[in-house]
Amino acid sequence: MKTESIWTIVGVVIAVAIAWFLVEVVLSVMWLFAKIAAVIFVAVIVYFALHALFKRSKS
């Protein structure tokens, strides 16, 4: 094997490792944003439900 071939293989392995790490980070951040969005959505529903419940009980 030529030295160029070895460096090409090493470069490909390093590129795959970096890509794997970046994909993990991006997916983790996306999952965090999805969870935050779900929490906000549920919190808004609960807020309006409690608001309607207390408004009805005062009347």
PDB file of N, CA and C in Angstrom:
ATOM      1  N   MET A   1       0.842  -1.192   0.000  1.00  0.00           N
ATOM      2  CA  MET A   1       0.000   0.000   0.000  1.00  0.00           C
ATOM      3  C   MET A   1       0.877   1.242   0.000  1.00  0.00           C
ATOM      4  N   LYS A   2       0.426   2.218  -0.732  1.00  0.00           N
ATOM      5  CA  LYS A   2       1.161   3.476  -0.767  1.00  0.00           C
ATOM      6  C   LYS A   2       0.814   4.311   0.460  1.00  0.00           C
ATOM      7  N   THR A   3       1.685   5.233   0.788  1.00  0.00           N
ATOM      8  CA  THR A   3       1.452   6.127   1.924  1.00  0.00           C
ATOM      9  C   THR A   3       0.214   6.983   1.677  1.00  0.00           C
ATOM     10  N   GLU A   4      -0.026   7.370   0.426  1.00  0.00           N
ATOM     11  CA  GLU A   4      -1.213   8.170   0.095  1.00  0.00           C
ATOM     12  C   GLU A   4      -2.493   7.403   0.397  1.00  0.00           C
ATOM     13  N   SER A   5      -2.503   6.116   0.105  1.00  0.00           N
ATOM     14  CA  SER A   5      -3.688   5.291   0.368  1.00  0.00           C
ATOM     15  C   SER A   5      -3.963   5.189   1.864  1.00  0.00           C
ATOM     16  N   ILE A   6      -2.911   5.032   2.646  1.00  0.00           N
ATOM     17  CA  ILE A   6      -3.069   4.934   4.099  1.00  0.00           C
ATOM     18  C   ILE A   6      -3.636   6.240   4.648  1.00  0.00           C
ATOM     19  N   TRP A   7      -3.076   7.387   4.171  1.00  0.00           N
ATOM     20  CA  TRP A   7      -3.577   8.673   4.660  1.00  0.00           C
ATOM     21  C   TRP A   7      -5.015   8.919   4.216  1.00  0.00           C
ATOM     22  N   THR A   8      -5.383   8.419   3.049  1.00  0.00           N
ATOM     23  CA  THR A   8      -6.770   8.534   2.593  1.00  0.00           C
ATOM     24  C   THR A   8      -7.698   7.750   3.514  1.00  0.00           C
ATOM     25  N   ILE A   9      -7.303   6.544   3.866  1.00  0.00           N
ATOM     26  CA  ILE A   9      -8.116   5.715   4.763  1.00  0.00           C
ATOM     27  C   ILE A   9      -8.216   6.364   6.136  1.00  0.00           C
ATOM     28  N   VAL A  10      -7.097   6.880   6.649  1.00  0.00           N
ATOM     29  CA  VAL A  10      -7.108   7.559   7.949  1.00  0.00           C
ATOM     30  C   VAL A  10      -8.012   8.792   7.881  1.00  0.00           C
ATOM     31  N   GLY A  11      -7.935   9.544   6.792  1.00  0.00           N
ATOM     32  CA  GLY A  11      -8.789  10.716   6.618  1.00  0.00           C
ATOM     33  C   GLY A  11     -10.257  10.364   6.589  1.00  0.00           C
ATOM     34  N   VAL A  12     -10.607   9.282   5.926  1.00  0.00           N
ATOM     35  CA  VAL A  12     -12.000   8.839   5.868  1.00  0.00           C
ATOM     36  C   VAL A  12     -12.486   8.427   7.251  1.00  0.00           C
ATOM     37  N   VAL A  13     -11.665   7.705   7.988  1.00  0.00           N
ATOM     38  CA  VAL A  13     -12.049   7.268   9.336  1.00  0.00           C
ATOM     39  C   VAL A  13     -12.244   8.480  10.243  1.00  0.00           C
ATOM     40  N   ILE A  14     -11.344   9.448  10.167  1.00  0.00           N
ATOM     41  CA  ILE A  14     -11.480  10.657  10.986  1.00  0.00           C
ATOM     42  C   ILE A  14     -12.723  11.442  10.576  1.00  0.00           C
ATOM     43  N   ALA A  15     -12.982  11.545   9.278  1.00  0.00           N
ATOM     44  CA  ALA A  15     -14.172  12.258   8.802  1.00  0.00           C
ATOM     45  C   ALA A  15     -15.449  11.589   9.293  1.00  0.00           C
ATOM     46  N   VAL A  16     -15.496  10.275   9.275  1.00  0.00           N
ATOM     47  CA  VAL A  16     -16.672   9.556   9.759  1.00  0.00           C
ATOM     48  C   VAL A  16     -16.845   9.760  11.263  1.00  0.00           C
ATOM     49  N   ALA A  17     -15.751   9.743  12.012  1.00  0.00           N
ATOM     50  CA  ALA A  17     -15.826   9.945  13.463  1.00  0.00           C
ATOM     51  C   ALA A  17     -16.328  11.354  13.789  1.00  0.00           C
ATOM     52  N   ILE A  18     -15.821  12.360  13.082  1.00  0.00           N
ATOM     53  CA  ILE A  18     -16.272  13.732  13.309  1.00  0.00           C
ATOM     54  C   ILE A  18     -17.741  13.880  12.923  1.00  0.00           C
ATOM     55  N   ALA A  19     -18.127  13.309  11.804  1.00  0.00           N
ATOM     56  CA  ALA A  19     -19.525  13.383  11.370  1.00  0.00           C
ATOM     57  C   ALA A  19     -20.437  12.697  12.377  1.00  0.00           C
ATOM     58  N   TRP A  20     -20.026  11.556  12.904  1.00  0.00           N
ATOM     59  CA  TRP A  20     -20.815  10.835  13.903  1.00  0.00           C
ATOM     60  C   TRP A  20     -21.035  11.708  15.137  1.00  0.00           C
ATOM     61  N   PHE A  21     -19.966  12.355  15.604  1.00  0.00           N
ATOM     62  CA  PHE A  21     -20.052  13.233  16.769  1.00  0.00           C
ATOM     63  C   PHE A  21     -20.981  14.415  16.496  1.00  0.00           C
ATOM     64  N   LEU A  22     -20.829  15.047  15.339  1.00  0.00           N
ATOM     65  CA  LEU A  22     -21.667  16.201  15.008  1.00  0.00           C
ATOM     66  C   LEU A  22     -23.142  15.822  14.893  1.00  0.00           C
ATOM     67  N   VAL A  23     -23.421  14.673  14.305  1.00  0.00           N
ATOM     68  CA  VAL A  23     -24.809  14.218  14.194  1.00  0.00           C
ATOM     69  C   VAL A  23     -25.390  13.960  15.581  1.00  0.00           C
ATOM     70  N   GLU A  24     -24.617  13.367  16.471  1.00  0.00           N
ATOM     71  CA  GLU A  24     -25.076  13.133  17.849  1.00  0.00           C
ATOM     72  C   GLU A  24     -25.425  14.453  18.533  1.00  0.00           C
ATOM     73  N   VAL A  25     -24.547  15.454  18.376  1.00  0.00           N
ATOM     74  CA  VAL A  25     -24.779  16.751  19.007  1.00  0.00           C
ATOM     75  C   VAL A  25     -26.021  17.419  18.432  1.00  0.00           C
ATOM     76  N   VAL A  26     -26.144  17.423  17.103  1.00  0.00           N
ATOM     77  CA  VAL A  26     -27.296  18.068  16.453  1.00  0.00           C
ATOM     78  C   VAL A  26     -28.593  17.377  16.851  1.00  0.00           C
ATOM     79  N   LEU A  27     -28.614  16.053  16.865  1.00  0.00           N
ATOM     80  CA  LEU A  27     -29.829  15.338  17.246  1.00  0.00           C
ATOM     81  C   LEU A  27     -30.173  15.567  18.714  1.00  0.00           C
ATOM     82  N   SER A  28     -29.171  15.665  19.570  1.00  0.00           N
ATOM     83  CA  SER A  28     -29.432  15.951  20.986  1.00  0.00           C
ATOM     84  C   SER A  28     -30.046  17.327  21.156  1.00  0.00           C
ATOM     85  N   VAL A  29     -29.519  18.312  20.438  1.00  0.00           N
ATOM     86  CA  VAL A  29     -30.059  19.666  20.519  1.00  0.00           C
ATOM     87  C   VAL A  29     -31.489  19.707  19.960  1.00  0.00           C
ATOM     88  N   MET A  30     -31.712  19.018  18.843  1.00  0.00           N
ATOM     89  CA  MET A  30     -33.063  18.981  18.267  1.00  0.00           C
ATOM     90  C   MET A  30     -34.035  18.307  19.230  1.00  0.00           C
ATOM     91  N   TRP A  31     -33.619  17.229  19.882  1.00  0.00           N
ATOM     92  CA  TRP A  31     -34.472  16.531  20.835  1.00  0.00           C
ATOM     93  C   TRP A  31     -34.781  17.431  22.023  1.00  0.00           C
ATOM     94  N   LEU A  32     -33.798  18.196  22.479  1.00  0.00           N
ATOM     95  CA  LEU A  32     -34.010  19.133  23.582  1.00  0.00           C
ATOM     96  C   LEU A  32     -35.051  20.184  23.190  1.00  0.00           C
ATOM     97  N   PHE A  33     -34.934  20.752  21.991  1.00  0.00           N
ATOM     98  CA  PHE A  33     -35.904  21.743  21.538  1.00  0.00           C
ATOM     99  C   PHE A  33     -37.296  21.130  21.390  1.00  0.00           C
ATOM    100  N   ALA A  34     -37.366  19.882  20.933  1.00  0.00           N
ATOM    101  CA  ALA A  34     -38.664  19.211  20.797  1.00  0.00           C
ATOM    102  C   ALA A  34     -39.303  19.011  22.173  1.00  0.00           C
ATOM    103  N   LYS A  35     -38.500  18.627  23.164  1.00  0.00           N
ATOM    104  CA  LYS A  35     -39.038  18.457  24.520  1.00  0.00           C
ATOM    105  C   LYS A  35     -39.496  19.789  25.099  1.00  0.00           C
ATOM    106  N   ILE A  36     -38.708  20.838  24.878  1.00  0.00           N
ATOM    107  CA  ILE A  36     -39.097  22.163  25.371  1.00  0.00           C
ATOM    108  C   ILE A  36     -40.398  22.612  24.716  1.00  0.00           C
ATOM    109  N   ALA A  37     -40.539  22.400  23.415  1.00  0.00           N
ATOM    110  CA  ALA A  37     -41.765  22.771  22.713  1.00  0.00           C
ATOM    111  C   ALA A  37     -42.957  21.984  23.254  1.00  0.00           C
ATOM    112  N   ALA A  38     -42.773  20.702  23.533  1.00  0.00           N
ATOM    113  CA  ALA A  38     -43.858  19.889  24.075  1.00  0.00           C
ATOM    114  C   ALA A  38     -44.254  20.374  25.466  1.00  0.00           C
ATOM    115  N   VAL A  39     -43.277  20.729  26.286  1.00  0.00           N
ATOM    116  CA  VAL A  39     -43.569  21.230  27.632  1.00  0.00           C
ATOM    117  C   VAL A  39     -44.328  22.547  27.553  1.00  0.00           C
ATOM    118  N   ILE A  40     -43.910  23.438  26.665  1.00  0.00           N
ATOM    119  CA  ILE A  40     -44.616  24.717  26.509  1.00  0.00           C
ATOM    120  C   ILE A  40     -46.040  24.482  26.044  1.00  0.00           C
ATOM    121  N   PHE A  41     -46.234  23.584  25.093  1.00  0.00           N
ATOM    122  CA  PHE A  41     -47.565  23.280  24.576  1.00  0.00           C
ATOM    123  C   PHE A  41     -48.477  22.753  25.685  1.00  0.00           C
ATOM    124  N   VAL A  42     -47.993  21.802  26.456  1.00  0.00           N
ATOM    125  CA  VAL A  42     -48.790  21.231  27.545  1.00  0.00           C
ATOM    126  C   VAL A  42     -49.043  22.278  28.625  1.00  0.00           C
ATOM    127  N   ALA A  43     -48.056  23.106  28.918  1.00  0.00           N
ATOM    128  CA  ALA A  43     -48.227  24.143  29.932  1.00  0.00           C
ATOM    129  C   ALA A  43     -49.300  25.144  29.526  1.00  0.00           C
ATOM    130  N   VAL A  44     -49.362  25.504  28.262  1.00  0.00           N
ATOM    131  CA  VAL A  44     -50.398  26.430  27.785  1.00  0.00           C
ATOM    132  C   VAL A  44     -51.778  25.794  27.925  1.00  0.00           C
ATOM    133  N   ILE A  45     -51.899  24.532  27.571  1.00  0.00           N
ATOM    134  CA  ILE A  45     -53.188  23.838  27.700  1.00  0.00           C
ATOM    135  C   ILE A  45     -53.607  23.778  29.166  1.00  0.00           C
ATOM    136  N   VAL A  46     -52.690  23.419  30.051  1.00  0.00           N
ATOM    137  CA  VAL A  46     -53.003  23.335  31.482  1.00  0.00           C
ATOM    138  C   VAL A  46     -53.366  24.710  32.031  1.00  0.00           C
ATOM    139  N   TYR A  47     -52.658  25.751  31.595  1.00  0.00           N
ATOM    140  CA  TYR A  47     -52.955  27.102  32.064  1.00  0.00           C
ATOM    141  C   TYR A  47     -54.387  27.495  31.698  1.00  0.00           C
ATOM    142  N   PHE A  48     -54.766  27.301  30.447  1.00  0.00           N
ATOM    143  CA  PHE A  48     -56.117  27.678  30.031  1.00  0.00           C
ATOM    144  C   PHE A  48     -57.179  26.807  30.705  1.00  0.00           C
ATOM    145  N   ALA A  49     -56.871  25.538  30.935  1.00  0.00           N
ATOM    146  CA  ALA A  49     -57.818  24.666  31.623  1.00  0.00           C
ATOM    147  C   ALA A  49     -58.015  25.136  33.066  1.00  0.00           C
ATOM    148  N   LEU A  50     -56.932  25.443  33.762  1.00  0.00           N
ATOM    149  CA  LEU A  50     -57.052  25.933  35.140  1.00  0.00           C
ATOM    150  C   LEU A  50     -57.722  27.301  35.189  1.00  0.00           C
ATOM    151  N   HIS A  51     -57.406  28.137  34.227  1.00  0.00           N
ATOM    152  CA  HIS A  51     -58.014  29.460  34.171  1.00  0.00           C
ATOM    153  C   HIS A  51     -59.534  29.341  33.992  1.00  0.00           C
ATOM    154  N   ALA A  52     -59.958  28.473  33.100  1.00  0.00           N
ATOM    155  CA  ALA A  52     -61.394  28.266  32.880  1.00  0.00           C
ATOM    156  C   ALA A  52     -62.048  27.638  34.105  1.00  0.00           C
ATOM    157  N   LEU A  53     -61.355  26.722  34.764  1.00  0.00           N
ATOM    158  CA  LEU A  53     -61.912  26.054  35.938  1.00  0.00           C
ATOM    159  C   LEU A  53     -62.108  27.037  37.086  1.00  0.00           C
ATOM    160  N   PHE A  54     -61.118  27.873  37.354  1.00  0.00           N
ATOM    161  CA  PHE A  54     -61.245  28.841  38.445  1.00  0.00           C
ATOM    162  C   PHE A  54     -62.203  29.960  38.104  1.00  0.00           C
ATOM    163  N   LYS A  55     -62.295  30.326  36.848  1.00  0.00           N
ATOM    164  CA  LYS A  55     -63.228  31.370  36.446  1.00  0.00           C
ATOM    165  C   LYS A  55     -64.658  30.888  36.638  1.00  0.00           C
ATOM    166  N   ARG A  56     -64.903  29.603  36.338  1.00  0.00           N
ATOM    167  CA  ARG A  56     -66.226  29.026  36.479  1.00  0.00           C
ATOM    168  C   ARG A  56     -66.600  28.888  37.958  1.00  0.00           C
ATOM    169  N   SER A  57     -65.630  28.553  38.811  1.00  0.00           N
ATOM    170  CA  SER A  57     -65.942  28.350  40.236  1.00  0.00           C
ATOM    171  C   SER A  57     -66.205  29.665  40.953  1.00  0.00           C
ATOM    172  N   LYS A  58     -65.664  30.778  40.479  1.00  0.00           N
ATOM    173  CA  LYS A  58     -65.903  32.073  41.107  1.00  0.00           C
ATOM    174  C   LYS A  58     -67.275  32.626  40.753  1.00  0.00           C
ATOM    175  N   SER A  59     -67.774  32.239  39.600  1.00  0.00           N
ATOM    176  CA  SER A  59     -69.075  32.783  39.142  1.00  0.00           C
ATOM    177  C   SER A  59     -70.251  32.222  39.882  1.00  0.00           C
TER     178      SER A  59
END
